[in-house]
PDB file of all heavy atoms in Angstrom:
ATOM      1  N   ILE A   1      -7.113 -17.778  19.936  1.00  0.00           N
ATOM      2  CA  ILE A   1      -8.229 -18.539  19.376  1.00  0.00           C
ATOM      3  C   ILE A   1      -9.521 -18.181  20.107  1.00  0.00           C
ATOM      4  O   ILE A   1     -10.568 -17.975  19.483  1.00  0.00           O
ATOM      5  CB  ILE A   1      -7.961 -20.059  19.447  1.00  0.00           C
ATOM      6  CG1 ILE A   1      -6.820 -20.437  18.497  1.00  0.00           C
ATOM      7  CG2 ILE A   1      -9.222 -20.859  19.130  1.00  0.00           C
ATOM      8  CD1 ILE A   1      -6.310 -21.852  18.668  1.00  0.00           C
ATOM      9  N   ASN A   2      -9.459 -18.079  21.429  1.00  0.00           N
ATOM     10  CA  ASN A   2     -10.646 -17.771  22.232  1.00  0.00           C
ATOM     11  C   ASN A   2     -11.220 -16.398  21.921  1.00  0.00           C
ATOM     12  O   ASN A   2     -12.431 -16.221  21.909  1.00  0.00           O
ATOM     13  CB  ASN A   2     -10.332 -17.859  23.724  1.00  0.00           C
ATOM     14  CG  ASN A   2     -10.184 -19.284  24.195  1.00  0.00           C
ATOM     15  OD1 ASN A   2     -10.721 -20.212  23.609  1.00  0.00           O
ATOM     16  ND2 ASN A   2      -9.424 -19.463  25.265  1.00  0.00           N
ATOM     17  N   THR A   3     -10.353 -15.421  21.701  1.00  0.00           N
ATOM     18  CA  THR A   3     -10.835 -14.044  21.534  1.00  0.00           C
ATOM     19  C   THR A   3     -11.071 -13.643  20.084  1.00  0.00           C
ATOM     20  O   THR A   3     -11.712 -12.628  19.832  1.00  0.00           O
ATOM     21  CB  THR A   3      -9.851 -13.039  22.174  1.00  0.00           C
ATOM     22  OG1 THR A   3      -8.572 -13.169  21.553  1.00  0.00           O
ATOM     23  CG2 THR A   3      -9.738 -13.261  23.671  1.00  0.00           C
ATOM     24  N   ALA A   4     -10.597 -14.431  19.149  1.00  0.00           N
ATOM     25  CA  ALA A   4     -10.736 -14.069  17.737  1.00  0.00           C
ATOM     26  C   ALA A   4     -12.171 -14.262  17.251  1.00  0.00           C
ATOM     27  O   ALA A   4     -12.848 -15.213  17.627  1.00  0.00           O
ATOM     28  CB  ALA A   4      -9.792 -14.910  16.886  1.00  0.00           C
ATOM     29  N   ARG A   5     -12.584 -13.358  16.402  1.00  0.00           N
ATOM     30  CA  ARG A   5     -13.863 -13.516  15.698  1.00  0.00           C
ATOM     31  C   ARG A   5     -13.709 -14.551  14.593  1.00  0.00           C
ATOM     32  O   ARG A   5     -14.583 -15.376  14.368  1.00  0.00           O
ATOM     33  CB  ARG A   5     -14.301 -12.173  15.104  1.00  0.00           C
ATOM     34  CG  ARG A   5     -15.639 -12.216  14.382  1.00  0.00           C
ATOM     35  CD  ARG A   5     -16.074 -10.834  13.919  1.00  0.00           C
ATOM     36  NE  ARG A   5     -15.338 -10.379  12.762  1.00  0.00           N
ATOM     37  CZ  ARG A   5     -15.631 -10.661  11.494  1.00  0.00           C
ATOM     38  NH1 ARG A   5     -16.675 -11.438  11.209  1.00  0.00           N
ATOM     39  NH2 ARG A   5     -14.910 -10.171  10.496  1.00  0.00           N
ATOM     40  N   ILE A   6     -12.549 -14.495  13.912  1.00  0.00           N
ATOM     41  CA  ILE A   6     -12.226 -15.434  12.843  1.00  0.00           C
ATOM     42  C   ILE A   6     -10.821 -15.964  13.105  1.00  0.00           C
ATOM     43  O   ILE A   6      -9.913 -15.199  13.423  1.00  0.00           O
ATOM     44  CB  ILE A   6     -12.256 -14.756  11.463  1.00  0.00           C
ATOM     45  CG1 ILE A   6     -13.650 -14.206  11.128  1.00  0.00           C
ATOM     46  CG2 ILE A   6     -11.794 -15.722  10.368  1.00  0.00           C
ATOM     47  CD1 ILE A   6     -13.713 -13.394   9.846  1.00  0.00           C
ATOM     48  N   VAL A   7     -10.640 -17.277  12.925  1.00  0.00           N
ATOM     49  CA  VAL A   7      -9.316 -17.882  13.008  1.00  0.00           C
ATOM     50  C   VAL A   7      -8.995 -18.458  11.634  1.00  0.00           C
ATOM     51  O   VAL A   7      -9.761 -19.252  11.090  1.00  0.00           O
ATOM     52  CB  VAL A   7      -9.238 -18.994  14.070  1.00  0.00           C
ATOM     53  CG1 VAL A   7      -7.831 -19.606  14.097  1.00  0.00           C
ATOM     54  CG2 VAL A   7      -9.618 -18.457  15.444  1.00  0.00           C
ATOM     55  N   ILE A   8      -7.842 -18.042  11.100  1.00  0.00           N
ATOM     56  CA  ILE A   8      -7.351 -18.551   9.826  1.00  0.00           C
ATOM     57  C   ILE A   8      -6.110 -19.371  10.137  1.00  0.00           C
ATOM     58  O   ILE A   8      -5.204 -18.890  10.815  1.00  0.00           O
ATOM     59  CB  ILE A   8      -7.020 -17.397   8.857  1.00  0.00           C
ATOM     60  CG1 ILE A   8      -8.274 -16.550   8.610  1.00  0.00           C
ATOM     61  CG2 ILE A   8      -6.442 -17.947   7.543  1.00  0.00           C
ATOM     62  CD1 ILE A   8      -8.004 -15.237   7.906  1.00  0.00           C
ATOM     63  N   THR A   9      -6.090 -20.608   9.646  1.00  0.00           N
ATOM     64  CA  THR A   9      -5.002 -21.498  10.001  1.00  0.00           C
ATOM     65  C   THR A   9      -4.518 -22.267   8.780  1.00  0.00           C
ATOM     66  O   THR A   9      -5.220 -22.356   7.776  1.00  0.00           O
ATOM     67  CB  THR A   9      -5.448 -22.469  11.120  1.00  0.00           C
ATOM     68  OG1 THR A   9      -4.382 -23.334  11.457  1.00  0.00           O
ATOM     69  CG2 THR A   9      -6.655 -23.274  10.727  1.00  0.00           C
ATOM     70  N   HIS A  10      -3.322 -22.812   8.891  1.00  0.00           N
ATOM     71  CA  HIS A  10      -2.798 -23.719   7.876  1.00  0.00           C
ATOM     72  C   HIS A  10      -3.558 -25.037   7.994  1.00  0.00           C
ATOM     73  O   HIS A  10      -4.436 -25.186   8.845  1.00  0.00           O
ATOM     74  CB  HIS A  10      -1.281 -23.902   8.057  1.00  0.00           C
ATOM     75  CG  HIS A  10      -0.920 -24.505   9.373  1.00  0.00           C
ATOM     76  ND1 HIS A  10      -0.514 -25.807   9.487  1.00  0.00           N
ATOM     77  CD2 HIS A  10      -0.942 -24.008  10.631  1.00  0.00           C
ATOM     78  CE1 HIS A  10      -0.284 -26.076  10.765  1.00  0.00           C
ATOM     79  NE2 HIS A  10      -0.538 -25.000  11.473  1.00  0.00           N
ATOM     80  N   GLY A  11      -3.209 -26.011   7.159  1.00  0.00           N
ATOM     81  CA  GLY A  11      -3.956 -27.262   7.138  1.00  0.00           C
ATOM     82  C   GLY A  11      -3.444 -28.344   8.053  1.00  0.00           C
ATOM     83  O   GLY A  11      -3.807 -29.510   7.884  1.00  0.00           O
ATOM     84  N   GLY A  12      -2.616 -27.981   9.027  1.00  0.00           N
ATOM     85  CA  GLY A  12      -2.157 -28.969  10.005  1.00  0.00           C
ATOM     86  C   GLY A  12      -3.287 -29.332  10.942  1.00  0.00           C
ATOM     87  O   GLY A  12      -3.982 -28.450  11.453  1.00  0.00           O
ATOM     88  N   PRO A  13      -3.504 -30.623  11.178  1.00  0.00           N
ATOM     89  CA  PRO A  13      -4.647 -31.052  11.980  1.00  0.00           C
ATOM     90  C   PRO A  13      -4.715 -30.438  13.369  1.00  0.00           C
ATOM     91  O   PRO A  13      -5.788 -30.043  13.808  1.00  0.00           O
ATOM     92  CB  PRO A  13      -4.484 -32.571  12.082  1.00  0.00           C
ATOM     93  CG  PRO A  13      -3.396 -32.956  11.170  1.00  0.00           C
ATOM     94  CD  PRO A  13      -2.690 -31.732  10.703  1.00  0.00           C
ATOM     95  N   ALA A  14      -3.597 -30.356  14.055  1.00  0.00           N
ATOM     96  CA  ALA A  14      -3.634 -29.829  15.427  1.00  0.00           C
ATOM     97  C   ALA A  14      -4.148 -28.393  15.450  1.00  0.00           C
ATOM     98  O   ALA A  14      -4.875 -28.009  16.369  1.00  0.00           O
ATOM     99  CB  ALA A  14      -2.252 -29.907  16.065  1.00  0.00           C
ATOM    100  N   SER A  15      -3.781 -27.622  14.463  1.00  0.00           N
ATOM    101  CA  SER A  15      -4.195 -26.214  14.447  1.00  0.00           C
ATOM    102  C   SER A  15      -5.682 -26.044  14.183  1.00  0.00           C
ATOM    103  O   SER A  15      -6.386 -25.410  14.949  1.00  0.00           O
ATOM    104  CB  SER A  15      -3.384 -25.428  13.413  1.00  0.00           C
ATOM    105  OG  SER A  15      -2.060 -25.310  13.842  1.00  0.00           O
ATOM    106  N   PHE A  16      -6.187 -26.611  13.087  1.00  0.00           N
ATOM    107  CA  PHE A  16      -7.591 -26.326  12.804  1.00  0.00           C
ATOM    108  C   PHE A  16      -8.541 -27.153  13.649  1.00  0.00           C
ATOM    109  O   PHE A  16      -9.643 -26.705  13.968  1.00  0.00           O
ATOM    110  CB  PHE A  16      -7.922 -26.338  11.305  1.00  0.00           C
ATOM    111  CG  PHE A  16      -8.003 -27.666  10.617  1.00  0.00           C
ATOM    112  CD1 PHE A  16      -9.149 -28.416  10.664  1.00  0.00           C
ATOM    113  CD2 PHE A  16      -6.931 -28.126   9.863  1.00  0.00           C
ATOM    114  CE1 PHE A  16      -9.244 -29.617   9.986  1.00  0.00           C
ATOM    115  CE2 PHE A  16      -7.018 -29.318   9.170  1.00  0.00           C
ATOM    116  CZ  PHE A  16      -8.183 -30.076   9.243  1.00  0.00           C
ATOM    117  N   LEU A  17      -8.121 -28.331  14.107  1.00  0.00           N
ATOM    118  CA  LEU A  17      -8.992 -29.098  14.998  1.00  0.00           C
ATOM    119  C   LEU A  17      -9.106 -28.434  16.363  1.00  0.00           C
ATOM    120  O   LEU A  17     -10.155 -28.507  17.012  1.00  0.00           O
ATOM    121  CB  LEU A  17      -8.510 -30.540  15.117  1.00  0.00           C
ATOM    122  CG  LEU A  17      -8.650 -31.380  13.835  1.00  0.00           C
ATOM    123  CD1 LEU A  17      -8.018 -32.755  14.027  1.00  0.00           C
ATOM    124  CD2 LEU A  17     -10.095 -31.503  13.391  1.00  0.00           C
ATOM    125  N   SER A  18      -8.052 -27.731  16.806  1.00  0.00           N
ATOM    126  CA  SER A  18      -8.138 -27.019  18.093  1.00  0.00           C
ATOM    127  C   SER A  18      -9.131 -25.863  18.011  1.00  0.00           C
ATOM    128  O   SER A  18      -9.754 -25.517  19.007  1.00  0.00           O
ATOM    129  CB  SER A  18      -6.759 -26.527  18.537  1.00  0.00           C
ATOM    130  OG  SER A  18      -6.287 -25.511  17.696  1.00  0.00           O
ATOM    131  N   VAL A  19      -9.300 -25.299  16.828  1.00  0.00           N
ATOM    132  CA  VAL A  19     -10.299 -24.245  16.638  1.00  0.00           C
ATOM    133  C   VAL A  19     -11.697 -24.873  16.658  1.00  0.00           C
ATOM    134  O   VAL A  19     -12.607 -24.339  17.295  1.00  0.00           O
ATOM    135  CB  VAL A  19     -10.045 -23.475  15.322  1.00  0.00           C
ATOM    136  CG1 VAL A  19     -11.113 -22.407  15.105  1.00  0.00           C
ATOM    137  CG2 VAL A  19      -8.657 -22.848  15.322  1.00  0.00           C
ATOM    138  N   LEU A  20     -11.854 -25.995  15.987  1.00  0.00           N
ATOM    139  CA  LEU A  20     -13.142 -26.686  15.985  1.00  0.00           C
ATOM    140  C   LEU A  20     -13.565 -27.096  17.394  1.00  0.00           C
ATOM    141  O   LEU A  20     -14.747 -27.044  17.730  1.00  0.00           O
ATOM    142  CB  LEU A  20     -13.082 -27.921  15.079  1.00  0.00           C
ATOM    143  CG  LEU A  20     -13.050 -27.647  13.578  1.00  0.00           C
ATOM    144  CD1 LEU A  20     -12.729 -28.921  12.807  1.00  0.00           C
ATOM    145  CD2 LEU A  20     -14.361 -27.040  13.108  1.00  0.00           C
ATOM    146  N   GLU A  21     -12.590 -27.491  18.226  1.00  0.00           N
ATOM    147  CA  GLU A  21     -12.902 -27.872  19.615  1.00  0.00           C
ATOM    148  C   GLU A  21     -13.548 -26.731  20.378  1.00  0.00           C
ATOM    149  O   GLU A  21     -14.303 -26.953  21.312  1.00  0.00           O
ATOM    150  CB  GLU A  21     -11.623 -28.295  20.345  1.00  0.00           C
ATOM    151  CG  GLU A  21     -11.111 -29.648  19.952  1.00  0.00           C
ATOM    152  CD  GLU A  21      -9.784 -29.978  20.627  1.00  0.00           C
ATOM    153  OE1 GLU A  21      -9.191 -29.099  21.287  1.00  0.00           O
ATOM    154  OE2 GLU A  21      -9.340 -31.123  20.478  1.00  0.00           O
ATOM    155  N   LYS A  22     -13.247 -25.508  19.971  1.00  0.00           N
ATOM    156  CA  LYS A  22     -13.806 -24.322  20.636  1.00  0.00           C
ATOM    157  C   LYS A  22     -15.144 -23.919  20.018  1.00  0.00           C
ATOM    158  O   LYS A  22     -15.651 -22.834  20.278  1.00  0.00           O
ATOM    159  CB  LYS A  22     -12.819 -23.168  20.551  1.00  0.00           C
ATOM    160  CG  LYS A  22     -11.447 -23.525  21.071  1.00  0.00           C
ATOM    161  CD  LYS A  22     -11.088 -22.685  22.243  1.00  0.00           C
ATOM    162  CE  LYS A  22      -9.657 -22.980  22.634  1.00  0.00           C
ATOM    163  NZ  LYS A  22      -9.560 -23.431  23.981  1.00  0.00           N
ATOM    164  N   LYS A  23     -15.677 -24.798  19.150  1.00  0.00           N
ATOM    165  CA  LYS A  23     -16.940 -24.558  18.466  1.00  0.00           C
ATOM    166  C   LYS A  23     -16.881 -23.311  17.587  1.00  0.00           C
ATOM    167  O   LYS A  23     -17.867 -22.585  17.434  1.00  0.00           O
ATOM    168  CB  LYS A  23     -18.107 -24.512  19.447  1.00  0.00           C
ATOM    169  CG  LYS A  23     -18.275 -25.811  20.209  1.00  0.00           C
ATOM    170  CD  LYS A  23     -19.626 -25.935  20.820  1.00  0.00           C
ATOM    171  CE  LYS A  23     -19.890 -27.194  21.589  1.00  0.00           C
ATOM    172  NZ  LYS A  23     -19.210 -28.377  21.313  1.00  0.00           N
ATOM    173  N   LYS A  24     -15.722 -23.089  17.009  1.00  0.00           N
ATOM    174  CA  LYS A  24     -15.538 -22.024  16.026  1.00  0.00           C
ATOM    175  C   LYS A  24     -15.226 -22.669  14.690  1.00  0.00           C
ATOM    176  O   LYS A  24     -14.647 -23.761  14.642  1.00  0.00           O
ATOM    177  CB  LYS A  24     -14.388 -21.102  16.430  1.00  0.00           C
ATOM    178  CG  LYS A  24     -14.671 -20.287  17.666  1.00  0.00           C
ATOM    179  CD  LYS A  24     -13.576 -19.281  17.909  1.00  0.00           C
ATOM    180  CE  LYS A  24     -13.931 -18.403  19.095  1.00  0.00           C
ATOM    181  NZ  LYS A  24     -13.023 -17.268  19.215  1.00  0.00           N
ATOM    182  N   ILE A  25     -15.627 -22.018  13.643  1.00  0.00           N
ATOM    183  CA  ILE A  25     -15.387 -22.543  12.305  1.00  0.00           C
ATOM    184  C   ILE A  25     -14.174 -21.833  11.720  1.00  0.00           C
ATOM    185  O   ILE A  25     -14.228 -20.647  11.407  1.00  0.00           O
ATOM    186  CB  ILE A  25     -16.628 -22.356  11.421  1.00  0.00           C
ATOM    187  CG1 ILE A  25     -17.788 -23.144  12.021  1.00  0.00           C
ATOM    188  CG2 ILE A  25     -16.331 -22.804   9.989  1.00  0.00           C
ATOM    189  CD1 ILE A  25     -19.106 -22.952  11.346  1.00  0.00           C
ATOM    190  N   PRO A  26     -13.063 -22.565  11.585  1.00  0.00           N
ATOM    191  CA  PRO A  26     -11.851 -21.927  11.058  1.00  0.00           C
ATOM    192  C   PRO A  26     -11.889 -21.801   9.539  1.00  0.00           C
ATOM    193  O   PRO A  26     -12.588 -22.531   8.847  1.00  0.00           O
ATOM    194  CB  PRO A  26     -10.749 -22.896  11.470  1.00  0.00           C
ATOM    195  CG  PRO A  26     -11.428 -24.228  11.508  1.00  0.00           C
ATOM    196  CD  PRO A  26     -12.834 -23.955  11.969  1.00  0.00           C
ATOM    197  N   ILE A  27     -11.107 -20.855   9.057  1.00  0.00           N
ATOM    198  CA  ILE A  27     -10.793 -20.776   7.636  1.00  0.00           C
ATOM    199  C   ILE A  27      -9.445 -21.464   7.499  1.00  0.00           C
ATOM    200  O   ILE A  27      -8.477 -21.074   8.149  1.00  0.00           O
ATOM    201  CB  ILE A  27     -10.741 -19.322   7.144  1.00  0.00           C
ATOM    202  CG1 ILE A  27     -12.119 -18.657   7.287  1.00  0.00           C
ATOM    203  CG2 ILE A  27     -10.253 -19.272   5.690  1.00  0.00           C
ATOM    204  CD1 ILE A  27     -12.151 -17.182   6.928  1.00  0.00           C
ATOM    205  N   VAL A  28      -9.381 -22.502   6.664  1.00  0.00           N
ATOM    206  CA  VAL A  28      -8.180 -23.322   6.541  1.00  0.00           C
ATOM    207  C   VAL A  28      -7.544 -23.102   5.168  1.00  0.00           C
ATOM    208  O   VAL A  28      -8.197 -23.285   4.141  1.00  0.00           O
ATOM    209  CB  VAL A  28      -8.509 -24.814   6.747  1.00  0.00           C
ATOM    210  CG1 VAL A  28      -7.274 -25.680   6.547  1.00  0.00           C
ATOM    211  CG2 VAL A  28      -9.114 -25.034   8.133  1.00  0.00           C
ATOM    212  N   VAL A  29      -6.273 -22.701   5.189  1.00  0.00           N
ATOM    213  CA  VAL A  29      -5.487 -22.529   3.963  1.00  0.00           C
ATOM    214  C   VAL A  29      -4.324 -23.520   4.035  1.00  0.00           C
ATOM    215  O   VAL A  29      -3.350 -23.281   4.751  1.00  0.00           O
ATOM    216  CB  VAL A  29      -4.940 -21.087   3.816  1.00  0.00           C
ATOM    217  CG1 VAL A  29      -4.226 -20.921   2.481  1.00  0.00           C
ATOM    218  CG2 VAL A  29      -6.045 -20.050   3.990  1.00  0.00           C
ATOM    219  N   PRO A  30      -4.430 -24.646   3.328  1.00  0.00           N
ATOM    220  CA  PRO A  30      -3.361 -25.643   3.408  1.00  0.00           C
ATOM    221  C   PRO A  30      -2.051 -25.144   2.791  1.00  0.00           C
ATOM    222  O   PRO A  30      -2.054 -24.435   1.780  1.00  0.00           O
ATOM    223  CB  PRO A  30      -3.908 -26.819   2.593  1.00  0.00           C
ATOM    224  CG  PRO A  30      -5.379 -26.597   2.512  1.00  0.00           C
ATOM    225  CD  PRO A  30      -5.564 -25.117   2.531  1.00  0.00           C
ATOM    226  N   ARG A  31      -0.955 -25.516   3.431  1.00  0.00           N
ATOM    227  CA  ARG A  31       0.369 -25.276   2.854  1.00  0.00           C
ATOM    228  C   ARG A  31       0.501 -26.161   1.615  1.00  0.00           C
ATOM    229  O   ARG A  31       0.007 -27.282   1.599  1.00  0.00           O
ATOM    230  CB  ARG A  31       1.459 -25.651   3.852  1.00  0.00           C
ATOM    231  CG  ARG A  31       1.591 -24.710   5.036  1.00  0.00           C
ATOM    232  CD  ARG A  31       2.580 -25.297   6.040  1.00  0.00           C
ATOM    233  NE  ARG A  31       2.903 -24.374   7.095  1.00  0.00           N
ATOM    234  CZ  ARG A  31       3.930 -23.532   7.071  1.00  0.00           C
ATOM    235  NH1 ARG A  31       4.753 -23.516   6.049  1.00  0.00           N
ATOM    236  NH2 ARG A  31       4.159 -22.721   8.088  1.00  0.00           N
ATOM    237  N   ARG A  32       1.218 -25.663   0.589  1.00  0.00           N
ATOM    238  CA  ARG A  32       1.340 -26.403  -0.664  1.00  0.00           C
ATOM    239  C   ARG A  32       2.806 -26.593  -1.056  1.00  0.00           C
ATOM    240  O   ARG A  32       3.642 -25.699  -0.860  1.00  0.00           O
ATOM    241  CB  ARG A  32       0.622 -25.658  -1.791  1.00  0.00           C
ATOM    242  CG  ARG A  32      -0.881 -25.424  -1.576  1.00  0.00           C
ATOM    243  CD  ARG A  32      -1.698 -26.688  -1.659  1.00  0.00           C
ATOM    244  NE  ARG A  32      -1.461 -27.451  -2.861  1.00  0.00           N
ATOM    245  CZ  ARG A  32      -2.073 -27.248  -4.025  1.00  0.00           C
ATOM    246  NH1 ARG A  32      -3.002 -26.319  -4.135  1.00  0.00           N
ATOM    247  NH2 ARG A  32      -1.781 -28.006  -5.060  1.00  0.00           N
ATOM    248  N   LEU A  33       3.099 -27.720  -1.647  1.00  0.00           N
ATOM    249  CA  LEU A  33       4.433 -28.037  -2.152  1.00  0.00           C
ATOM    250  C   LEU A  33       4.865 -27.065  -3.243  1.00  0.00           C
ATOM    251  O   LEU A  33       5.994 -26.574  -3.239  1.00  0.00           O
ATOM    252  CB  LEU A  33       4.458 -29.470  -2.694  1.00  0.00           C
ATOM    253  CG  LEU A  33       5.714 -29.895  -3.460  1.00  0.00           C
ATOM    254  CD1 LEU A  33       6.937 -29.885  -2.546  1.00  0.00           C
ATOM    255  CD2 LEU A  33       5.519 -31.269  -4.092  1.00  0.00           C
ATOM    256  N   CYS A  34       3.956 -26.758  -4.176  1.00  0.00           N
ATOM    257  CA  CYS A  34       4.309 -25.928  -5.336  1.00  0.00           C
ATOM    258  C   CYS A  34       4.761 -24.522  -4.956  1.00  0.00           C
ATOM    259  O   CYS A  34       5.406 -23.844  -5.753  1.00  0.00           O
ATOM    260  CB  CYS A  34       3.164 -25.878  -6.343  1.00  0.00           C
ATOM    261  SG  CYS A  34       1.642 -25.134  -5.726  1.00  0.00           S
ATOM    262  N   TYR A  35       4.470 -24.066  -3.745  1.00  0.00           N
ATOM    263  CA  TYR A  35       4.902 -22.752  -3.274  1.00  0.00           C
ATOM    264  C   TYR A  35       6.069 -22.855  -2.283  1.00  0.00           C
ATOM    265  O   TYR A  35       6.427 -21.869  -1.644  1.00  0.00           O
ATOM    266  CB  TYR A  35       3.743 -21.998  -2.621  1.00  0.00           C
ATOM    267  CG  TYR A  35       2.574 -21.785  -3.554  1.00  0.00           C
ATOM    268  CD1 TYR A  35       1.368 -22.456  -3.352  1.00  0.00           C
ATOM    269  CD2 TYR A  35       2.677 -20.926  -4.649  1.00  0.00           C
ATOM    270  CE1 TYR A  35       0.295 -22.276  -4.209  1.00  0.00           C
ATOM    271  CE2 TYR A  35       1.605 -20.736  -5.515  1.00  0.00           C
ATOM    272  CZ  TYR A  35       0.426 -21.415  -5.282  1.00  0.00           C
ATOM    273  OH  TYR A  35      -0.634 -21.232  -6.138  1.00  0.00           O
ATOM    274  N   GLY A  36       6.617 -24.043  -2.112  1.00  0.00           N
ATOM    275  CA  GLY A  36       7.726 -24.244  -1.186  1.00  0.00           C
ATOM    276  C   GLY A  36       7.330 -24.110   0.266  1.00  0.00           C
ATOM    277  O   GLY A  36       8.148 -23.749   1.106  1.00  0.00           O
ATOM    278  N   GLU A  37       6.058 -24.438   0.575  1.00  0.00           N
ATOM    279  CA  GLU A  37       5.543 -24.265   1.928  1.00  0.00           C
ATOM    280  C   GLU A  37       5.577 -25.559   2.754  1.00  0.00           C
ATOM    281  O   GLU A  37       5.436 -25.512   3.969  1.00  0.00           O
ATOM    282  CB  GLU A  37       4.091 -23.765   1.858  1.00  0.00           C
ATOM    283  CG  GLU A  37       3.989 -22.429   1.157  1.00  0.00           C
ATOM    284  CD  GLU A  37       2.594 -22.083   0.679  1.00  0.00           C
ATOM    285  OE1 GLU A  37       1.688 -22.947   0.684  1.00  0.00           O
ATOM    286  OE2 GLU A  37       2.403 -20.919   0.282  1.00  0.00           O
ATOM    287  N   HIS A  38       5.747 -26.678   2.054  1.00  0.00           N
ATOM    288  CA  HIS A  38       5.814 -27.967   2.735  1.00  0.00           C
ATOM    289  C   HIS A  38       6.470 -28.977   1.810  1.00  0.00           C
ATOM    290  O   HIS A  38       6.738 -28.678   0.653  1.00  0.00           O
ATOM    291  CB  HIS A  38       4.419 -28.449   3.159  1.00  0.00           C
ATOM    292  CG  HIS A  38       4.404 -29.068   4.527  1.00  0.00           C
ATOM    293  ND1 HIS A  38       5.233 -30.105   4.903  1.00  0.00           N
ATOM    294  CD2 HIS A  38       3.659 -28.789   5.624  1.00  0.00           C
ATOM    295  CE1 HIS A  38       4.994 -30.437   6.159  1.00  0.00           C
ATOM    296  NE2 HIS A  38       4.050 -29.652   6.628  1.00  0.00           N
ATOM    297  N   VAL A  39       6.723 -30.179   2.323  1.00  0.00           N
ATOM    298  CA  VAL A  39       7.439 -31.202   1.555  1.00  0.00           C
ATOM    299  C   VAL A  39       6.543 -31.936   0.562  1.00  0.00           C
ATOM    300  O   VAL A  39       7.042 -32.612  -0.344  1.00  0.00           O
ATOM    301  CB  VAL A  39       8.132 -32.221   2.494  1.00  0.00           C
ATOM    302  CG1 VAL A  39       9.174 -31.524   3.347  1.00  0.00           C
ATOM    303  CG2 VAL A  39       7.105 -32.937   3.372  1.00  0.00           C
ATOM    304  N   ASN A  40       5.225 -31.827   0.733  1.00  0.00           N
ATOM    305  CA  ASN A  40       4.258 -32.420  -0.187  1.00  0.00           C
ATOM    306  C   ASN A  40       2.913 -31.732   0.043  1.00  0.00           C
ATOM    307  O   ASN A  40       2.840 -30.749   0.773  1.00  0.00           O
ATOM    308  CB  ASN A  40       4.165 -33.942  -0.006  1.00  0.00           C
ATOM    309  CG  ASN A  40       3.781 -34.347   1.401  1.00  0.00           C
ATOM    310  OD1 ASN A  40       3.065 -33.641   2.107  1.00  0.00           O
ATOM    311  ND2 ASN A  40       4.263 -35.506   1.840  1.00  0.00           N
TER     312      ASN A  40
END
């Protein structure tokens, strides 16, 4: 996260909020039920 120019993360709060804490703007791609990526 520290060395990346861009961080792309799933929509889990811990992941993208940890990027925001570093004053970086993440690209967030939420996991979706319709693709079998999460339970909802």
